[in-house]
Amino acid sequence: MTMQRRITGKKINFRPMIEAELSREERDRAYGRQERVARNKRIIANQLHAASTKIIESKPKAARWYCLRVETGREFAVEKVLSDASVEVCAPREKWVRVWRGEKIEGESPLFASYILVRCVPSADAFVGLKRQKSVMDIVGGDTGYHVVRDEIVEAFKALTVECEIPRIATDKTMTDGDRALIEVGPFAGFECVVVSVKWSRQARASVLITVDGRQFPIDSMPLAFLKKL
């Protein structure tokens, strides 16, 4: 006769241990992400130190406004990165309301697509730090230096857009593609431009091209009210 041995015992539930292990892995991943985010912020802060308000505080009279060209659609993302690094930044917005499938949708868009303003004490380190940031393409300027936006122009522009709406200024309805115009409002005030295309709507806009010291910069969606036909 063959003897059989029966083994008995309590049933072990491994699920809590597995879940605890997963939780530890999730915590480790979350901690790793936090560390990476914190490390990136420190790196960016170091890169932008020369352009920060800390330098402005020591040399307030030397600070100037400059215009950054950034990737379209990344204006507010760049604004946040710079602001988090204590860089004084101005990215005027305009509110919009649309109706989609019977529902009202509200949002905001940059008033000047692809451009934001920053204030800093000019230096090679400050400009290099700004241009090193993700989605920053260039600083408006040419061979003789970067374009300086006068303080009074920035303040007047801020006052016009304080309610995040385009000022209701009469537009020249004769404006058409190929016309030359003078920009009268905003950070590009005083520049002559070529009107590339006009989009007529409730608040008409134009795509224009400006030239700064031999370099061309396209400006999309310029409020037509800001232009004076030449």
Protein backbone atom coordinates (compact mmCIF):
# COMPACT_ATOMS: atom_id res chain seq x y z
CA MET A 1 0.00 0.00 0.00
CA THR A 2 1.31 3.42 -0.94
CA MET A 3 1.24 5.99 1.87
CA GLN A 4 0.08 9.54 0.97
CA ARG A 5 0.82 12.53 3.11
CA ARG A 6 -1.68 15.33 3.21
CA ILE A 7 -0.39 18.79 3.83
CA THR A 8 -2.81 21.27 5.34
CA GLY A 9 -2.46 24.88 6.42
CA LYS A 10 -3.90 28.36 6.22
CA LYS A 11 -4.40 29.96 2.84
CA ILE A 12 -1.98 32.83 2.36
CA ASN A 13 -3.31 36.04 0.76
CA PHE A 14 -0.46 37.58 -1.22
CA ARG A 15 -2.55 40.47 -2.59
CA PRO A 16 -1.81 43.03 0.19
CA MET A 17 1.91 42.37 -0.15
CA ILE A 18 1.74 42.80 -3.93
CA GLU A 19 -0.28 45.99 -3.57
CA ALA A 20 2.15 47.31 -0.95
CA GLU A 21 5.04 46.57 -3.29
CA LEU A 22 3.26 48.35 -6.16
CA SER A 23 2.53 51.28 -3.89
CA ARG A 24 6.21 51.53 -3.03
CA GLU A 25 7.08 51.48 -6.74
CA GLU A 26 4.49 54.16 -7.43
CA ARG A 27 5.83 56.26 -4.58
CA ASP A 28 9.35 55.82 -5.89
CA ARG A 29 8.26 56.87 -9.38
CA ALA A 30 6.38 59.88 -8.00
CA TYR A 31 9.39 60.84 -5.89
CA GLY A 32 11.61 60.46 -8.96
CA ARG A 33 9.33 62.75 -10.97
CA GLN A 34 9.33 65.33 -8.20
CA GLU A 35 13.10 65.20 -8.02
CA ARG A 36 13.39 65.67 -11.79
CA VAL A 37 10.96 68.59 -11.73
CA ALA A 38 12.82 70.22 -8.84
CA ARG A 39 16.17 69.64 -10.54
CA ASN A 40 14.92 71.15 -13.82
CA LYS A 41 13.61 74.19 -11.96
CA ARG A 42 16.99 74.69 -10.32
CA ILE A 43 18.75 74.40 -13.68
CA ILE A 44 16.37 76.89 -15.31
CA ALA A 45 16.66 79.29 -12.37
CA ASN A 46 20.44 79.21 -12.72
CA GLN A 47 20.23 79.79 -16.46
CA LEU A 48 17.89 82.75 -15.97
CA HIS A 49 19.53 84.31 -12.93
CA ALA A 50 21.12 87.08 -15.00
CA ALA A 51 17.68 87.93 -16.45
CA SER A 52 15.81 87.77 -13.14
CA THR A 53 14.30 90.51 -11.00
CA LYS A 54 17.11 89.95 -8.48
CA ILE A 55 19.49 91.65 -10.90
CA ILE A 56 16.93 94.37 -11.66
CA GLU A 57 16.70 95.15 -7.94
CA SER A 58 20.40 95.95 -7.90
CA LYS A 59 20.33 97.92 -11.17
CA PRO A 60 16.74 99.20 -11.64
CA LYS A 61 17.66 102.03 -14.00
CA ALA A 62 19.46 99.65 -16.36
CA ALA A 63 16.46 97.33 -16.90
CA ARG A 64 14.85 97.28 -20.36
CA TRP A 65 11.93 95.52 -22.04
CA TYR A 66 12.73 93.07 -24.85
CA CYS A 67 10.58 90.97 -27.13
CA LEU A 68 10.97 87.19 -27.32
CA ARG A 69 9.81 85.22 -30.32
CA VAL A 70 8.47 81.84 -29.18
CA GLU A 71 6.80 78.85 -30.78
CA THR A 72 3.16 79.49 -31.63
CA GLY A 73 0.91 77.99 -28.99
CA ARG A 74 3.65 77.97 -26.34
CA GLU A 75 3.36 81.61 -25.27
CA PHE A 76 1.72 80.92 -21.91
CA ALA A 77 3.96 77.91 -21.20
CA VAL A 78 7.08 80.02 -21.73
CA GLU A 79 5.53 82.80 -19.65
CA LYS A 80 5.09 80.39 -16.72
CA VAL A 81 8.64 79.05 -16.95
CA LEU A 82 10.07 82.56 -16.93
CA SER A 83 7.75 83.76 -14.18
CA ASP A 84 8.63 80.75 -11.99
CA ALA A 85 12.29 81.72 -12.42
CA SER A 86 11.57 85.31 -11.23
CA VAL A 87 11.81 86.88 -14.68
CA GLU A 88 9.46 89.83 -15.23
CA VAL A 89 7.28 88.90 -18.17
CA CYS A 90 4.30 90.37 -20.00
CA ALA A 91 2.13 88.23 -22.27
CA PRO A 92 -1.05 90.21 -23.07
CA ARG A 93 -4.16 88.11 -23.52
CA GLU A 94 -7.55 88.53 -25.10
CA LYS A 95 -10.66 86.71 -23.98
CA TRP A 96 -12.90 84.90 -26.43
CA VAL A 97 -16.28 83.23 -26.28
CA ARG A 98 -17.52 80.56 -28.68
CA VAL A 99 -20.61 78.44 -28.92
CA TRP A 100 -20.03 74.74 -29.54
CA ARG A 101 -23.01 72.39 -29.83
CA GLY A 102 -25.18 74.77 -27.93
CA GLU A 103 -22.70 75.35 -25.11
CA LYS A 104 -20.79 78.55 -24.47
CA ILE A 105 -17.04 78.04 -24.23
CA GLU A 106 -14.76 80.73 -22.85
CA GLY A 107 -11.01 80.97 -23.17
CA GLU A 108 -8.10 83.28 -23.81
CA SER A 109 -5.43 83.63 -26.46
CA PRO A 110 -2.21 85.65 -26.73
CA LEU A 111 -2.83 89.07 -28.21
CA PHE A 112 0.37 88.77 -30.24
CA ALA A 113 0.82 85.16 -31.26
CA SER A 114 4.44 83.96 -30.96
CA TYR A 115 5.67 87.00 -28.99
CA ILE A 116 6.01 87.84 -25.30
CA LEU A 117 7.80 90.67 -23.48
CA VAL A 118 10.48 90.31 -20.81
CA ARG A 119 12.19 92.93 -18.68
CA CYS A 120 15.78 92.44 -17.66
CA VAL A 121 19.14 94.14 -17.25
CA PRO A 122 20.84 93.63 -20.62
CA SER A 123 23.87 91.34 -20.55
CA ALA A 124 25.26 88.47 -22.58
CA ASP A 125 24.38 86.00 -19.79
CA ALA A 126 20.81 87.28 -19.58
CA PHE A 127 20.20 86.97 -23.33
CA VAL A 128 21.86 83.54 -23.56
CA GLY A 129 19.76 82.30 -20.64
CA LEU A 130 16.53 83.50 -22.23
CA LYS A 131 17.33 81.97 -25.62
CA ARG A 132 18.22 78.63 -24.04
CA GLN A 133 14.70 78.06 -22.78
CA LYS A 134 12.50 75.52 -24.49
CA SER A 135 10.21 77.00 -27.18
CA VAL A 136 12.10 80.33 -27.26
CA MET A 137 13.17 80.86 -30.87
CA ASP A 138 14.83 84.26 -30.84
CA ILE A 139 14.93 87.78 -29.45
CA VAL A 140 13.64 90.46 -31.80
CA GLY A 141 16.60 92.47 -33.05
CA GLY A 142 19.38 92.64 -35.60
CA ASP A 143 23.09 93.18 -36.06
CA THR A 144 23.15 96.38 -34.01
CA GLY A 145 21.40 94.86 -31.01
CA TYR A 146 18.04 93.72 -29.69
CA HIS A 147 14.92 95.84 -30.05
CA VAL A 148 14.18 97.75 -26.84
CA VAL A 149 10.51 98.41 -26.09
CA ARG A 150 10.21 101.70 -24.22
CA ASP A 151 8.68 101.59 -20.74
CA GLU A 152 5.95 104.09 -21.62
CA ILE A 153 4.88 101.98 -24.60
CA VAL A 154 4.63 98.85 -22.45
CA GLU A 155 2.65 100.68 -19.76
CA ALA A 156 0.26 102.20 -22.33
CA PHE A 157 -0.16 98.80 -23.94
CA LYS A 158 -0.89 97.15 -20.58
CA ALA A 159 -3.51 99.82 -19.88
CA LEU A 160 -5.22 99.14 -23.19
CA THR A 161 -5.34 95.39 -22.59
CA VAL A 162 -6.05 95.41 -18.86
CA GLU A 163 -9.48 93.91 -19.50
CA CYS A 164 -7.96 91.33 -21.84
CA GLU A 165 -9.87 92.71 -24.79
CA ILE A 166 -8.65 94.37 -27.97
CA PRO A 167 -9.27 98.10 -27.77
CA ARG A 168 -12.19 99.21 -29.90
CA ILE A 169 -10.36 101.50 -32.31
CA ALA A 170 -11.65 102.35 -35.77
CA THR A 171 -9.99 100.28 -38.48
CA ASP A 172 -9.05 101.28 -42.01
CA LYS A 173 -11.35 99.20 -44.17
CA THR A 174 -9.28 99.94 -47.27
CA MET A 175 -6.34 97.94 -45.91
CA THR A 176 -5.45 95.05 -48.18
CA ASP A 177 -2.70 92.52 -48.90
CA GLY A 178 0.60 94.11 -49.91
CA ASP A 179 -0.06 97.50 -48.29
CA ARG A 180 2.58 99.20 -46.20
CA ALA A 181 1.51 100.32 -42.75
CA LEU A 182 2.79 101.87 -39.55
CA ILE A 183 2.26 99.97 -36.31
CA GLU A 184 0.89 102.51 -33.81
CA VAL A 185 0.02 100.37 -30.76
CA GLY A 186 1.84 97.71 -28.80
CA PRO A 187 5.45 96.56 -28.43
CA PHE A 188 6.14 97.04 -32.15
CA ALA A 189 4.85 100.63 -32.21
CA GLY A 190 6.88 102.78 -34.59
CA PHE A 191 7.79 99.94 -36.96
CA GLU A 192 6.72 100.02 -40.57
CA CYS A 193 5.42 96.72 -41.87
CA VAL A 194 4.15 94.98 -44.97
CA VAL A 195 0.63 93.58 -44.74
CA VAL A 196 0.83 89.95 -45.86
CA SER A 197 -2.85 89.13 -45.46
CA VAL A 198 -5.98 90.57 -43.88
CA LYS A 199 -8.68 88.54 -42.15
CA TRP A 200 -11.91 90.46 -41.88
CA SER A 201 -14.10 89.64 -38.91
CA ARG A 202 -15.74 91.38 -35.95
CA GLN A 203 -12.23 92.34 -34.85
CA ALA A 204 -10.22 92.38 -38.06
CA ARG A 205 -6.65 91.12 -38.00
CA ALA A 206 -3.67 91.08 -40.29
CA SER A 207 -0.52 89.05 -40.76
CA VAL A 208 2.37 91.46 -41.18
CA LEU A 209 6.12 91.39 -41.70
CA ILE A 210 8.51 93.78 -39.96
CA THR A 211 12.21 94.28 -40.62
CA VAL A 212 14.64 94.91 -37.77
CA ASP A 213 18.21 95.73 -38.81
CA GLY A 214 17.93 93.63 -41.92
CA ARG A 215 16.19 90.69 -40.22
CA GLN A 216 12.55 89.91 -40.90
CA PHE A 217 10.05 88.89 -38.23
CA PRO A 218 6.52 87.74 -39.10
CA ILE A 219 3.70 88.79 -36.81
CA ASP A 220 0.51 86.80 -37.21
CA SER A 221 -2.88 87.99 -36.10
CA MET A 222 -2.00 91.66 -35.55
CA PRO A 223 -5.18 93.61 -34.67
CA LEU A 224 -5.89 95.74 -37.73
CA ALA A 225 -6.83 98.58 -35.38
CA PHE A 226 -3.16 98.85 -34.44
CA LEU A 227 -2.12 99.72 -38.01
CA LYS A 228 -2.12 102.96 -39.97
CA LYS A 229 -1.94 102.62 -43.73
CA LEU A 230 0.95 104.46 -45.40
